[in-house]
Amino acid sequence: MTAEPRNVLKLFISGPSPRSDAAIRTVRRICEEDLKGAFDFVVIDVRDYPQAAEEGHILATPTVVKELPPPIRKVIGDLSNKENILIGLGLLNYTVK
């Protein structure tokens, strides 16, 4: 029996800042309230892990990436609007199974 891959959201930030903090709060709230914990949420500081940013083709921060399930989708920049994030990641009508 093979375990199914978990759903993954990655948030790329560039150091601590009010903008980074707001992005973290917004995406965490989406994971908890809208996606009901069905996604693993990972925060990656590109200053500490530049290789991860390069591998993910991250050109600006903050950027949130829905890595799994495919297709990969990204939302870059202003992450203050929850609905825009859900639409951009293709998760607006996501239902937890």
PDB file of N, CA and C in Angstrom:
ATOM      1  N   MET A   1       0.845  -1.174   0.000  1.00  0.00           N
ATOM      2  CA  MET A   1       0.000   0.000   0.000  1.00  0.00           C
ATOM      3  C   MET A   1       0.889   1.235   0.000  1.00  0.00           C
ATOM      4  N   THR A   2       0.672   2.137  -0.962  1.00  0.00           N
ATOM      5  CA  THR A   2       1.461   3.347  -1.082  1.00  0.00           C
ATOM      6  C   THR A   2       0.667   4.523  -0.544  1.00  0.00           C
ATOM      7  N   ALA A   3       1.312   5.336   0.289  1.00  0.00           N
ATOM      8  CA  ALA A   3       0.637   6.512   0.827  1.00  0.00           C
ATOM      9  C   ALA A   3       0.488   7.555  -0.265  1.00  0.00           C
ATOM     10  N   GLU A   4      -0.671   8.214  -0.277  1.00  0.00           N
ATOM     11  CA  GLU A   4      -0.886   9.279  -1.239  1.00  0.00           C
ATOM     12  C   GLU A   4      -0.029  10.479  -0.844  1.00  0.00           C
ATOM     13  N   PRO A   5       0.511  11.210  -1.836  1.00  0.00           N
ATOM     14  CA  PRO A   5       1.276  12.392  -1.490  1.00  0.00           C
ATOM     15  C   PRO A   5       0.371  13.437  -0.861  1.00  0.00           C
ATOM     16  N   ARG A   6       0.897  14.132   0.119  1.00  0.00           N
ATOM     17  CA  ARG A   6       0.135  15.179   0.782  1.00  0.00           C
ATOM     18  C   ARG A   6       0.004  16.384  -0.134  1.00  0.00           C
ATOM     19  N   ASN A   7      -1.031  17.152   0.070  1.00  0.00           N
ATOM     20  CA  ASN A   7      -1.178  18.432  -0.603  1.00  0.00           C
ATOM     21  C   ASN A   7      -0.190  19.395   0.045  1.00  0.00           C
ATOM     22  N   VAL A   8       0.484  20.210  -0.767  1.00  0.00           N
ATOM     23  CA  VAL A   8       1.544  21.070  -0.243  1.00  0.00           C
ATOM     24  C   VAL A   8       1.388  22.501  -0.736  1.00  0.00           C
ATOM     25  N   LEU A   9       1.416  23.450   0.221  1.00  0.00           N
ATOM     26  CA  LEU A   9       1.519  24.872  -0.082  1.00  0.00           C
ATOM     27  C   LEU A   9       2.838  25.362   0.498  1.00  0.00           C
ATOM     28  N   LYS A  10       3.634  26.047  -0.333  1.00  0.00           N
ATOM     29  CA  LYS A  10       4.896  26.622   0.123  1.00  0.00           C
ATOM     30  C   LYS A  10       4.809  28.136  -0.005  1.00  0.00           C
ATOM     31  N   LEU A  11       5.204  28.822   1.057  1.00  0.00           N
ATOM     32  CA  LEU A  11       5.236  30.274   1.055  1.00  0.00           C
ATOM     33  C   LEU A  11       6.689  30.716   1.116  1.00  0.00           C
ATOM     34  N   PHE A  12       7.119  31.419   0.089  1.00  0.00           N
ATOM     35  CA  PHE A  12       8.478  31.943   0.025  1.00  0.00           C
ATOM     36  C   PHE A  12       8.458  33.400   0.472  1.00  0.00           C
ATOM     37  N   ILE A  13       9.279  33.714   1.492  1.00  0.00           N
ATOM     38  CA  ILE A  13       9.397  35.072   2.009  1.00  0.00           C
ATOM     39  C   ILE A  13      10.860  35.476   1.985  1.00  0.00           C
ATOM     40  N   SER A  14      11.111  36.741   2.233  1.00  0.00           N
ATOM     41  CA  SER A  14      12.486  37.228   2.286  1.00  0.00           C
ATOM     42  C   SER A  14      12.708  37.924   3.622  1.00  0.00           C
ATOM     43  N   GLY A  15      12.997  37.137   4.628  1.00  0.00           N
ATOM     44  CA  GLY A  15      13.273  37.672   5.959  1.00  0.00           C
ATOM     45  C   GLY A  15      12.028  38.146   6.680  1.00  0.00           C
ATOM     46  N   PRO A  16      12.210  38.447   7.975  1.00  0.00           N
ATOM     47  CA  PRO A  16      11.079  38.935   8.758  1.00  0.00           C
ATOM     48  C   PRO A  16      10.731  40.369   8.364  1.00  0.00           C
ATOM     49  N   SER A  17       9.452  40.609   8.175  1.00  0.00           N
ATOM     50  CA  SER A  17       8.963  41.948   7.851  1.00  0.00           C
ATOM     51  C   SER A  17       7.454  41.947   8.063  1.00  0.00           C
ATOM     52  N   PRO A  18       6.847  43.115   8.159  1.00  0.00           N
ATOM     53  CA  PRO A  18       5.381  43.143   8.284  1.00  0.00           C
ATOM     54  C   PRO A  18       4.687  42.458   7.104  1.00  0.00           C
ATOM     55  N   ARG A  19       5.230  42.611   5.901  1.00  0.00           N
ATOM     56  CA  ARG A  19       4.633  41.980   4.720  1.00  0.00           C
ATOM     57  C   ARG A  19       4.742  40.454   4.797  1.00  0.00           C
ATOM     58  N   SER A  20       5.908  39.962   5.226  1.00  0.00           N
ATOM     59  CA  SER A  20       6.091  38.512   5.390  1.00  0.00           C
ATOM     60  C   SER A  20       5.162  37.971   6.466  1.00  0.00           C
ATOM     61  N   ASP A  21       5.079  38.681   7.582  1.00  0.00           N
ATOM     62  CA  ASP A  21       4.216  38.245   8.685  1.00  0.00           C
ATOM     63  C   ASP A  21       2.755  38.178   8.242  1.00  0.00           C
ATOM     64  N   ALA A  22       2.316  39.191   7.493  1.00  0.00           N
ATOM     65  CA  ALA A  22       0.934  39.209   7.009  1.00  0.00           C
ATOM     66  C   ALA A  22       0.676  38.053   6.048  1.00  0.00           C
ATOM     67  N   ALA A  23       1.634  37.769   5.170  1.00  0.00           N
ATOM     68  CA  ALA A  23       1.484  36.653   4.224  1.00  0.00           C
ATOM     69  C   ALA A  23       1.390  35.327   4.974  1.00  0.00           C
ATOM     70  N   ILE A  24       2.223  35.147   5.972  1.00  0.00           N
ATOM     71  CA  ILE A  24       2.195  33.913   6.767  1.00  0.00           C
ATOM     72  C   ILE A  24       0.837  33.754   7.447  1.00  0.00           C
ATOM     73  N   ARG A  25       0.344  34.817   8.061  1.00  0.00           N
ATOM     74  CA  ARG A  25      -0.960  34.743   8.740  1.00  0.00           C
ATOM     75  C   ARG A  25      -2.078  34.411   7.756  1.00  0.00           C
ATOM     76  N   THR A  26      -2.070  35.064   6.599  1.00  0.00           N
ATOM     77  CA  THR A  26      -3.136  34.840   5.619  1.00  0.00           C
ATOM     78  C   THR A  26      -3.126  33.411   5.103  1.00  0.00           C
ATOM     79  N   VAL A  27      -1.962  32.912   4.698  1.00  0.00           N
ATOM     80  CA  VAL A  27      -1.895  31.554   4.137  1.00  0.00           C
ATOM     81  C   VAL A  27      -2.183  30.519   5.221  1.00  0.00           C
ATOM     82  N   ARG A  28      -1.704  30.740   6.432  1.00  0.00           N
ATOM     83  CA  ARG A  28      -2.004  29.811   7.528  1.00  0.00           C
ATOM     84  C   ARG A  28      -3.510  29.768   7.792  1.00  0.00           C
ATOM     85  N   ARG A  29      -4.157  30.922   7.771  1.00  0.00           N
ATOM     86  CA  ARG A  29      -5.611  30.981   7.982  1.00  0.00           C
ATOM     87  C   ARG A  29      -6.346  30.240   6.867  1.00  0.00           C
ATOM     88  N   ILE A  30      -5.888  30.382   5.633  1.00  0.00           N
ATOM     89  CA  ILE A  30      -6.489  29.654   4.511  1.00  0.00           C
ATOM     90  C   ILE A  30      -6.368  28.148   4.743  1.00  0.00           C
ATOM     91  N   CYS A  31      -5.182  27.706   5.145  1.00  0.00           N
ATOM     92  CA  CYS A  31      -4.960  26.263   5.377  1.00  0.00           C
ATOM     93  C   CYS A  31      -5.873  25.735   6.475  1.00  0.00           C
ATOM     94  N   GLU A  32      -6.010  26.493   7.545  1.00  0.00           N
ATOM     95  CA  GLU A  32      -6.799  26.027   8.685  1.00  0.00           C
ATOM     96  C   GLU A  32      -8.308  26.143   8.455  1.00  0.00           C
ATOM     97  N   GLU A  33      -8.737  27.277   7.902  1.00  0.00           N
ATOM     98  CA  GLU A  33     -10.182  27.531   7.809  1.00  0.00           C
ATOM     99  C   GLU A  33     -10.796  27.057   6.493  1.00  0.00           C
ATOM    100  N   ASP A  34     -10.151  27.365   5.394  1.00  0.00           N
ATOM    101  CA  ASP A  34     -10.736  27.057   4.091  1.00  0.00           C
ATOM    102  C   ASP A  34     -10.368  25.662   3.591  1.00  0.00           C
ATOM    103  N   LEU A  35      -9.151  25.244   3.880  1.00  0.00           N
ATOM    104  CA  LEU A  35      -8.686  23.942   3.393  1.00  0.00           C
ATOM    105  C   LEU A  35      -8.723  22.883   4.490  1.00  0.00           C
ATOM    106  N   LYS A  36      -9.192  23.267   5.653  1.00  0.00           N
ATOM    107  CA  LYS A  36      -9.427  22.355   6.790  1.00  0.00           C
ATOM    108  C   LYS A  36      -8.226  21.465   7.119  1.00  0.00           C
ATOM    109  N   GLY A  37      -7.017  22.027   7.021  1.00  0.00           N
ATOM    110  CA  GLY A  37      -5.827  21.276   7.386  1.00  0.00           C
ATOM    111  C   GLY A  37      -5.425  20.210   6.389  1.00  0.00           C
ATOM    112  N   ALA A  38      -6.045  20.185   5.202  1.00  0.00           N
ATOM    113  CA  ALA A  38      -5.737  19.152   4.206  1.00  0.00           C
ATOM    114  C   ALA A  38      -4.413  19.413   3.487  1.00  0.00           C
ATOM    115  N   PHE A  39      -3.822  20.577   3.725  1.00  0.00           N
ATOM    116  CA  PHE A  39      -2.559  20.931   3.075  1.00  0.00           C
ATOM    117  C   PHE A  39      -1.456  21.066   4.105  1.00  0.00           C
ATOM    118  N   ASP A  40      -0.260  20.590   3.755  1.00  0.00           N
ATOM    119  CA  ASP A  40       0.921  20.886   4.554  1.00  0.00           C
ATOM    120  C   ASP A  40       1.368  22.283   4.164  1.00  0.00           C
ATOM    121  N   PHE A  41       1.676  23.116   5.130  1.00  0.00           N
ATOM    122  CA  PHE A  41       2.071  24.499   4.897  1.00  0.00           C
ATOM    123  C   PHE A  41       3.518  24.665   5.322  1.00  0.00           C
ATOM    124  N   VAL A  42       4.362  25.106   4.381  1.00  0.00           N
ATOM    125  CA  VAL A  42       5.784  25.263   4.630  1.00  0.00           C
ATOM    126  C   VAL A  42       6.172  26.702   4.315  1.00  0.00           C
ATOM    127  N   VAL A  43       6.898  27.345   5.237  1.00  0.00           N
ATOM    128  CA  VAL A  43       7.413  28.691   5.001  1.00  0.00           C
ATOM    129  C   VAL A  43       8.903  28.575   4.723  1.00  0.00           C
ATOM    130  N   ILE A  44       9.344  29.184   3.622  1.00  0.00           N
ATOM    131  CA  ILE A  44      10.750  29.126   3.229  1.00  0.00           C
ATOM    132  C   ILE A  44      11.279  30.544   3.100  1.00  0.00           C
ATOM    133  N   ASP A  45      12.276  30.874   3.902  1.00  0.00           N
ATOM    134  CA  ASP A  45      12.927  32.178   3.821  1.00  0.00           C
ATOM    135  C   ASP A  45      14.041  32.072   2.780  1.00  0.00           C
ATOM    136  N   VAL A  46      13.894  32.793   1.687  1.00  0.00           N
ATOM    137  CA  VAL A  46      14.849  32.672   0.581  1.00  0.00           C
ATOM    138  C   VAL A  46      16.235  33.182   0.959  1.00  0.00           C
ATOM    139  N   ARG A  47      16.330  33.989   2.010  1.00  0.00           N
ATOM    140  CA  ARG A  47      17.658  34.425   2.475  1.00  0.00           C
ATOM    141  C   ARG A  47      18.412  33.260   3.113  1.00  0.00           C
ATOM    142  N   ASP A  48      17.669  32.372   3.772  1.00  0.00           N
ATOM    143  CA  ASP A  48      18.284  31.203   4.406  1.00  0.00           C
ATOM    144  C   ASP A  48      18.420  30.029   3.443  1.00  0.00           C
ATOM    145  N   TYR A  49      17.509  29.923   2.483  1.00  0.00           N
ATOM    146  CA  TYR A  49      17.483  28.793   1.547  1.00  0.00           C
ATOM    147  C   TYR A  49      17.375  29.283   0.101  1.00  0.00           C
ATOM    148  N   PRO A  50      18.409  29.952  -0.403  1.00  0.00           N
ATOM    149  CA  PRO A  50      18.350  30.477  -1.768  1.00  0.00           C
ATOM    150  C   PRO A  50      18.220  29.376  -2.818  1.00  0.00           C
ATOM    151  N   GLN A  51      18.736  28.215  -2.541  1.00  0.00           N
ATOM    152  CA  GLN A  51      18.650  27.101  -3.489  1.00  0.00           C
ATOM    153  C   GLN A  51      17.193  26.681  -3.697  1.00  0.00           C
ATOM    154  N   ALA A  52      16.401  26.709  -2.627  1.00  0.00           N
ATOM    155  CA  ALA A  52      14.977  26.355  -2.750  1.00  0.00           C
ATOM    156  C   ALA A  52      14.258  27.353  -3.646  1.00  0.00           C
ATOM    157  N   ALA A  53      14.610  28.628  -3.522  1.00  0.00           N
ATOM    158  CA  ALA A  53      14.002  29.647  -4.376  1.00  0.00           C
ATOM    159  C   ALA A  53      14.409  29.443  -5.834  1.00  0.00           C
ATOM    160  N   GLU A  54      15.656  29.109  -6.045  1.00  0.00           N
ATOM    161  CA  GLU A  54      16.132  28.867  -7.409  1.00  0.00           C
ATOM    162  C   GLU A  54      15.441  27.654  -8.014  1.00  0.00           C
ATOM    163  N   GLU A  55      15.357  26.580  -7.253  1.00  0.00           N
ATOM    164  CA  GLU A  55      14.713  25.360  -7.750  1.00  0.00           C
ATOM    165  C   GLU A  55      13.227  25.582  -8.034  1.00  0.00           C
ATOM    166  N   GLY A  56      12.585  26.454  -7.237  1.00  0.00           N
ATOM    167  CA  GLY A  56      11.170  26.723  -7.424  1.00  0.00           C
ATOM    168  C   GLY A  56      10.894  27.854  -8.403  1.00  0.00           C
ATOM    169  N   HIS A  57      11.957  28.404  -8.997  1.00  0.00           N
ATOM    170  CA  HIS A  57      11.825  29.519  -9.946  1.00  0.00           C
ATOM    171  C   HIS A  57      11.083  30.695  -9.315  1.00  0.00           C
ATOM    172  N   ILE A  58      11.482  31.024  -8.085  1.00  0.00           N
ATOM    173  CA  ILE A  58      10.878  32.128  -7.353  1.00  0.00           C
ATOM    174  C   ILE A  58      11.666  33.393  -7.655  1.00  0.00           C
ATOM    175  N   LEU A  59      11.001  34.381  -8.239  1.00  0.00           N
ATOM    176  CA  LEU A  59      11.659  35.614  -8.643  1.00  0.00           C
ATOM    177  C   LEU A  59      11.329  36.784  -7.733  1.00  0.00           C
ATOM    178  N   ALA A  60      10.265  36.685  -6.956  1.00  0.00           N
ATOM    179  CA  ALA A  60       9.850  37.762  -6.064  1.00  0.00           C
ATOM    180  C   ALA A  60       9.198  37.154  -4.832  1.00  0.00           C
ATOM    181  N   THR A  61       9.208  37.921  -3.748  1.00  0.00           N
ATOM    182  CA  THR A  61       8.557  37.466  -2.526  1.00  0.00           C
ATOM    183  C   THR A  61       7.601  38.548  -2.052  1.00  0.00           C
ATOM    184  N   PRO A  62       6.564  38.183  -1.351  1.00  0.00           N
ATOM    185  CA  PRO A  62       6.176  36.817  -1.038  1.00  0.00           C
ATOM    186  C   PRO A  62       5.531  36.125  -2.244  1.00  0.00           C
ATOM    187  N   THR A  63       5.744  34.830  -2.315  1.00  0.00           N
ATOM    188  CA  THR A  63       5.124  33.980  -3.328  1.00  0.00           C
ATOM    189  C   THR A  63       4.604  32.730  -2.636  1.00  0.00           C
ATOM    190  N   VAL A  64       3.356  32.387  -2.901  1.00  0.00           N
ATOM    191  CA  VAL A  64       2.804  31.136  -2.394  1.00  0.00           C
ATOM    192  C   VAL A  64       2.644  30.194  -3.579  1.00  0.00           C
ATOM    193  N   VAL A  65       3.049  28.941  -3.368  1.00  0.00           N
ATOM    194  CA  VAL A  65       3.042  27.939  -4.428  1.00  0.00           C
ATOM    195  C   VAL A  65       2.221  26.741  -3.977  1.00  0.00           C
ATOM    196  N   LYS A  66       1.271  26.338  -4.814  1.00  0.00           N
ATOM    197  CA  LYS A  66       0.561  25.070  -4.581  1.00  0.00           C
ATOM    198  C   LYS A  66       1.339  24.044  -5.385  1.00  0.00           C
ATOM    199  N   GLU A  67       2.099  23.257  -4.678  1.00  0.00           N
ATOM    200  CA  GLU A  67       2.973  22.279  -5.325  1.00  0.00           C
ATOM    201  C   GLU A  67       2.244  20.978  -5.616  1.00  0.00           C
ATOM    202  N   LEU A  68       1.477  20.514  -4.670  1.00  0.00           N
ATOM    203  CA  LEU A  68       0.677  19.308  -4.826  1.00  0.00           C
ATOM    204  C   LEU A  68      -0.726  19.606  -4.356  1.00  0.00           C
ATOM    205  N   PRO A  69      -1.734  19.117  -4.996  1.00  0.00           N
ATOM    206  CA  PRO A  69      -1.736  18.302  -6.204  1.00  0.00           C
ATOM    207  C   PRO A  69      -1.466  19.158  -7.442  1.00  0.00           C
ATOM    208  N   PRO A  70      -0.964  18.499  -8.506  1.00  0.00           N
ATOM    209  CA  PRO A  70      -0.698  19.224  -9.744  1.00  0.00           C
ATOM    210  C   PRO A  70      -1.985  19.822 -10.305  1.00  0.00           C
ATOM    211  N   PRO A  71      -1.900  20.831 -11.109  1.00  0.00           N
ATOM    212  CA  PRO A  71      -0.700  21.492 -11.596  1.00  0.00           C
ATOM    213  C   PRO A  71      -0.158  22.482 -10.563  1.00  0.00           C
ATOM    214  N   ILE A  72       1.132  22.779 -10.683  1.00  0.00           N
ATOM    215  CA  ILE A  72       1.752  23.779  -9.820  1.00  0.00           C
ATOM    216  C   ILE A  72       1.152  25.136 -10.172  1.00  0.00           C
ATOM    217  N   ARG A  73       0.785  25.893  -9.135  1.00  0.00           N
ATOM    218  CA  ARG A  73       0.251  27.242  -9.344  1.00  0.00           C
ATOM    219  C   ARG A  73       0.899  28.181  -8.343  1.00  0.00           C
ATOM    220  N   LYS A  74       1.091  29.443  -8.750  1.00  0.00           N
ATOM    221  CA  LYS A  74       1.752  30.440  -7.901  1.00  0.00           C
ATOM    222  C   LYS A  74       0.939  31.723  -7.841  1.00  0.00           C
ATOM    223  N   VAL A  75       1.012  32.364  -6.678  1.00  0.00           N
ATOM    224  CA  VAL A  75       0.484  33.711  -6.507  1.00  0.00           C
ATOM    225  C   VAL A  75       1.630  34.537  -5.945  1.00  0.00           C
ATOM    226  N   ILE A  76       1.913  35.651  -6.604  1.00  0.00           N
ATOM    227  CA  ILE A  76       3.082  36.470  -6.269  1.00  0.00           C
ATOM    228  C   ILE A  76       2.626  37.844  -5.809  1.00  0.00           C
ATOM    229  N   GLY A  77       3.299  38.357  -4.772  1.00  0.00           N
ATOM    230  CA  GLY A  77       3.077  39.744  -4.369  1.00  0.00           C
ATOM    231  C   GLY A  77       2.088  39.897  -3.241  1.00  0.00           C
ATOM    232  N   ASP A  78       1.047  40.673  -3.465  1.00  0.00           N
ATOM    233  CA  ASP A  78       0.076  40.990  -2.431  1.00  0.00           C
ATOM    234  C   ASP A  78      -0.720  39.740  -2.056  1.00  0.00           C
ATOM    235  N   LEU A  79      -0.493  39.268  -0.840  1.00  0.00           N
ATOM    236  CA  LEU A  79      -1.194  38.069  -0.373  1.00  0.00           C
ATOM    237  C   LEU A  79      -2.193  38.413   0.723  1.00  0.00           C
ATOM    238  N   SER A  80      -2.755  39.609   0.652  1.00  0.00           N
ATOM    239  CA  SER A  80      -3.676  40.033   1.697  1.00  0.00           C
ATOM    240  C   SER A  80      -5.119  39.610   1.430  1.00  0.00           C
ATOM    241  N   ASN A  81      -5.456  39.280   0.186  1.00  0.00           N
ATOM    242  CA  ASN A  81      -6.827  38.931  -0.151  1.00  0.00           C
ATOM    243  C   ASN A  81      -6.967  37.415  -0.284  1.00  0.00           C
ATOM    244  N   LYS A  82      -7.645  36.840   0.684  1.00  0.00           N
ATOM    245  CA  LYS A  82      -7.804  35.382   0.754  1.00  0.00           C
ATOM    246  C   LYS A  82      -8.452  34.817  -0.510  1.00  0.00           C
ATOM    247  N   GLU A  83      -9.510  35.459  -0.990  1.00  0.00           N
ATOM    248  CA  GLU A  83     -10.207  34.957  -2.171  1.00  0.00           C
ATOM    249  C   GLU A  83      -9.312  34.976  -3.407  1.00  0.00           C
ATOM    250  N   ASN A  84      -8.525  36.032  -3.572  1.00  0.00           N
ATOM    251  CA  ASN A  84      -7.598  36.095  -4.710  1.00  0.00           C
ATOM    252  C   ASN A  84      -6.561  34.978  -4.655  1.00  0.00           C
ATOM    253  N   ILE A  85      -6.110  34.655  -3.463  1.00  0.00           N
ATOM    254  CA  ILE A  85      -5.141  33.562  -3.310  1.00  0.00           C
ATOM    255  C   ILE A  85      -5.792  32.239  -3.701  1.00  0.00           C
ATOM    256  N   LEU A  86      -6.988  31.981  -3.185  1.00  0.00           N
ATOM    257  CA  LEU A  86      -7.682  30.732  -3.506  1.00  0.00           C
ATOM    258  C   LEU A  86      -7.954  30.613  -4.996  1.00  0.00           C
ATOM    259  N   ILE A  87      -8.354  31.716  -5.630  1.00  0.00           N
ATOM    260  CA  ILE A  87      -8.589  31.696  -7.077  1.00  0.00           C
ATOM    261  C   ILE A  87      -7.278  31.436  -7.815  1.00  0.00           C
ATOM    262  N   GLY A  88      -6.229  32.161  -7.451  1.00  0.00           N
ATOM    263  CA  GLY A  88      -4.933  32.025  -8.121  1.00  0.00           C
ATOM    264  C   GLY A  88      -4.344  30.634  -8.007  1.00  0.00           C
ATOM    265  N   LEU A  89      -4.593  29.975  -6.887  1.00  0.00           N
ATOM    266  CA  LEU A  89      -4.058  28.623  -6.675  1.00  0.00           C
ATOM    267  C   LEU A  89      -5.016  27.545  -7.186  1.00  0.00           C
ATOM    268  N   GLY A  90      -6.156  27.963  -7.708  1.00  0.00           N
ATOM    269  CA  GLY A  90      -7.131  26.991  -8.207  1.00  0.00           C
ATOM    270  C   GLY A  90      -7.826  26.233  -7.095  1.00  0.00           C
ATOM    271  N   LEU A  91      -7.991  26.881  -5.936  1.00  0.00           N
ATOM    272  CA  LEU A  91      -8.555  26.202  -4.766  1.00  0.00           C
ATOM    273  C   LEU A  91      -9.857  26.825  -4.276  1.00  0.00           C
ATOM    274  N   LEU A  92     -10.439  27.732  -5.029  1.00  0.00           N
ATOM    275  CA  LEU A  92     -11.628  28.426  -4.548  1.00  0.00           C
ATOM    276  C   LEU A  92     -12.746  27.449  -4.200  1.00  0.00           C
ATOM    277  N   ASN A  93     -12.934  26.442  -5.003  1.00  0.00           N
ATOM    278  CA  ASN A  93     -14.001  25.463  -4.762  1.00  0.00           C
ATOM    279  C   ASN A  93     -13.447  24.138  -4.244  1.00  0.00           C
ATOM    280  N   TYR A  94     -12.260  24.188  -3.629  1.00  0.00           N
ATOM    281  CA  TYR A  94     -11.637  22.968  -3.112  1.00  0.00           C
ATOM    282  C   TYR A  94     -12.487  22.415  -1.983  1.00  0.00           C
ATOM    283  N   THR A  95     -12.739  21.129  -2.021  1.00  0.00           N
ATOM    284  CA  THR A  95     -13.461  20.470  -0.947  1.00  0.00           C
ATOM    285  C   THR A  95     -12.587  19.408  -0.338  1.00  0.00           C
ATOM    286  N   VAL A  96     -12.589  19.359   0.969  1.00  0.00           N
ATOM    287  CA  VAL A  96     -11.800  18.366   1.693  1.00  0.00           C
ATOM    288  C   VAL A  96     -12.502  17.031   1.609  1.00  0.00           C
ATOM    289  N   LYS A  97     -11.737  15.987   1.244  1.00  0.00           N
ATOM    290  CA  LYS A  97     -12.307  14.641   1.092  1.00  0.00           C
ATOM    291  C   LYS A  97     -12.074  13.825   2.323  1.00  0.00           C
TER     292      LYS A  97
END
